[in-house]
């Protein structure tokens, strides 16, 4: 399967379990992979392939919508919406909190999910 990969869409949003996460917000980074079939691709026209700008807009819409408590919920919601793009057969979504409010965690926290049609 062919893939389009978009790395680290940066969003400042208000998701999380802790009250301060919902009040102060924090940075999130969302990376997506779109599994598509490019075997029939023969020309250099945007209307012949999946426009990844549409996928980025979906991520931003969900990240800035109603806050969620869990990264898992966000990742599943984004994946389900990305699978509504007709050409997308499979998707992987990774959501990271680079600076979670958890002592001694300096490398961030991520959730990665994969879904198929």
Protein backbone atom coordinates (compact mmCIF):
# COMPACT_ATOMS: atom_id res chain seq x y z
CA UNK A 1 0.00 0.00 0.00
CA UNK A 2 1.23 3.49 -0.82
CA UNK A 3 1.37 6.15 1.87
CA UNK A 4 1.12 9.87 2.37
CA UNK A 5 2.77 10.92 5.63
CA UNK A 6 2.22 14.26 7.34
CA UNK A 7 4.52 14.80 10.31
CA UNK A 8 3.75 16.91 13.36
CA UNK A 9 0.75 19.10 12.76
CA UNK A 10 1.16 21.45 15.74
CA UNK A 11 -1.99 22.47 17.61
CA UNK A 12 -2.47 24.34 20.87
CA UNK A 13 -5.59 22.88 22.46
CA UNK A 14 -7.31 22.09 25.75
CA UNK A 15 -7.48 18.30 25.98
CA UNK A 16 -6.56 16.28 29.05
CA UNK A 17 -7.66 14.72 32.31
CA UNK A 18 -6.20 17.35 34.64
CA UNK A 19 -8.17 20.58 35.22
CA UNK A 20 -5.16 22.75 34.35
CA UNK A 21 -4.91 21.06 30.94
CA UNK A 22 -8.47 22.14 30.18
CA UNK A 23 -7.88 25.68 31.46
CA UNK A 24 -4.33 26.50 30.36
CA UNK A 25 -4.09 24.23 27.32
CA UNK A 26 -0.91 22.81 25.84
CA UNK A 27 0.83 21.93 22.61
CA UNK A 28 -0.09 18.75 20.78
CA UNK A 29 1.61 17.25 17.74
CA UNK A 30 -0.37 15.06 15.40
CA UNK A 31 1.24 12.90 12.71
CA UNK A 32 -0.84 10.99 10.20
CA UNK A 33 -0.27 8.32 7.58
CA UNK A 34 -2.81 7.80 4.85
CA UNK A 35 -2.77 4.41 3.15
CA UNK A 36 -3.80 4.86 -0.47
CA UNK A 37 -3.48 3.09 -3.81
CA UNK A 38 -1.37 5.01 -6.33
CA UNK A 39 -1.01 2.13 -8.80
CA UNK A 40 -3.18 3.93 -11.37
CA UNK A 41 -1.51 7.33 -10.93
CA UNK A 42 -0.13 8.54 -14.23
CA UNK A 43 -0.19 12.34 -14.28
CA UNK A 44 0.85 15.32 -12.21
CA UNK A 45 -2.64 16.57 -11.31
CA UNK A 46 -3.83 17.21 -7.74
CA UNK A 47 -7.34 16.00 -8.56
CA UNK A 48 -5.89 12.55 -9.33
CA UNK A 49 -4.54 11.95 -5.80
CA UNK A 50 -5.57 12.46 -2.19
CA UNK A 51 -5.10 16.11 -1.27
CA UNK A 52 -3.38 15.93 2.12
CA UNK A 53 -4.50 19.50 2.88
CA UNK A 54 -7.97 18.01 3.41
CA UNK A 55 -6.53 15.56 5.95
CA UNK A 56 -4.71 18.38 7.78
CA UNK A 57 -7.96 20.38 7.94
CA UNK A 58 -9.71 17.36 9.48
CA UNK A 59 -7.02 17.07 12.16
CA UNK A 60 -7.24 20.77 13.00
CA UNK A 61 -11.04 20.71 13.11
CA UNK A 62 -11.09 17.86 15.62
CA UNK A 63 -8.21 19.21 17.71
CA UNK A 64 -9.93 22.59 18.09
CA UNK A 65 -13.43 21.17 18.65
CA UNK A 66 -14.82 20.11 22.00
CA UNK A 67 -12.03 19.07 24.40
CA UNK A 68 -11.49 15.37 25.09
CA UNK A 69 -10.02 13.87 28.22
CA UNK A 70 -8.04 11.14 26.48
CA UNK A 71 -5.52 11.10 23.64
CA UNK A 72 -6.99 7.74 22.66
CA UNK A 73 -10.38 9.37 22.03
CA UNK A 74 -8.82 12.09 19.89
CA UNK A 75 -6.78 9.61 17.85
CA UNK A 76 -9.79 7.37 17.17
CA UNK A 77 -11.99 10.34 16.23
CA UNK A 78 -9.37 11.67 13.80
CA UNK A 79 -8.81 8.21 12.26
CA UNK A 80 -12.53 7.62 11.77
CA UNK A 81 -12.91 10.99 10.02
CA UNK A 82 -9.83 10.42 7.82
CA UNK A 83 -11.29 7.10 6.69
CA UNK A 84 -14.27 9.04 5.32
CA UNK A 85 -11.98 10.43 2.60
CA UNK A 86 -12.88 8.11 -0.31
CA UNK A 87 -9.31 7.31 -1.43
CA UNK A 88 -8.00 6.56 2.08
CA UNK A 89 -7.99 2.82 2.77
CA UNK A 90 -6.03 2.85 6.02
CA UNK A 91 -4.73 5.43 8.44
CA UNK A 92 -2.32 5.68 11.32
CA UNK A 93 -2.67 8.58 13.73
CA UNK A 94 -0.11 9.54 16.35
CA UNK A 95 -0.95 12.25 18.89
CA UNK A 96 1.78 13.50 21.20
CA UNK A 97 1.90 15.75 24.22
CA UNK A 98 5.50 16.97 24.07
CA UNK A 99 5.33 18.52 27.56
CA UNK A 100 2.79 16.60 29.65
CA UNK A 101 2.15 17.84 33.19
CA UNK A 102 3.70 14.70 34.67
CA UNK A 103 6.86 14.87 36.79
CA UNK A 104 10.00 13.23 35.37
CA UNK A 105 8.52 12.69 31.88
CA UNK A 106 10.74 14.73 29.59
CA UNK A 107 10.23 12.92 26.27
CA UNK A 108 6.51 13.46 25.93
CA UNK A 109 3.63 11.00 25.72
CA UNK A 110 2.10 9.60 22.53
CA UNK A 111 -0.79 7.43 21.44
CA UNK A 112 -0.63 5.66 18.07
CA UNK A 113 -3.62 3.95 16.48
CA UNK A 114 -4.15 2.27 13.12
CA UNK A 115 -7.51 1.76 11.44
CA UNK A 116 -8.63 0.30 8.10
CA UNK A 117 -11.82 0.48 6.08
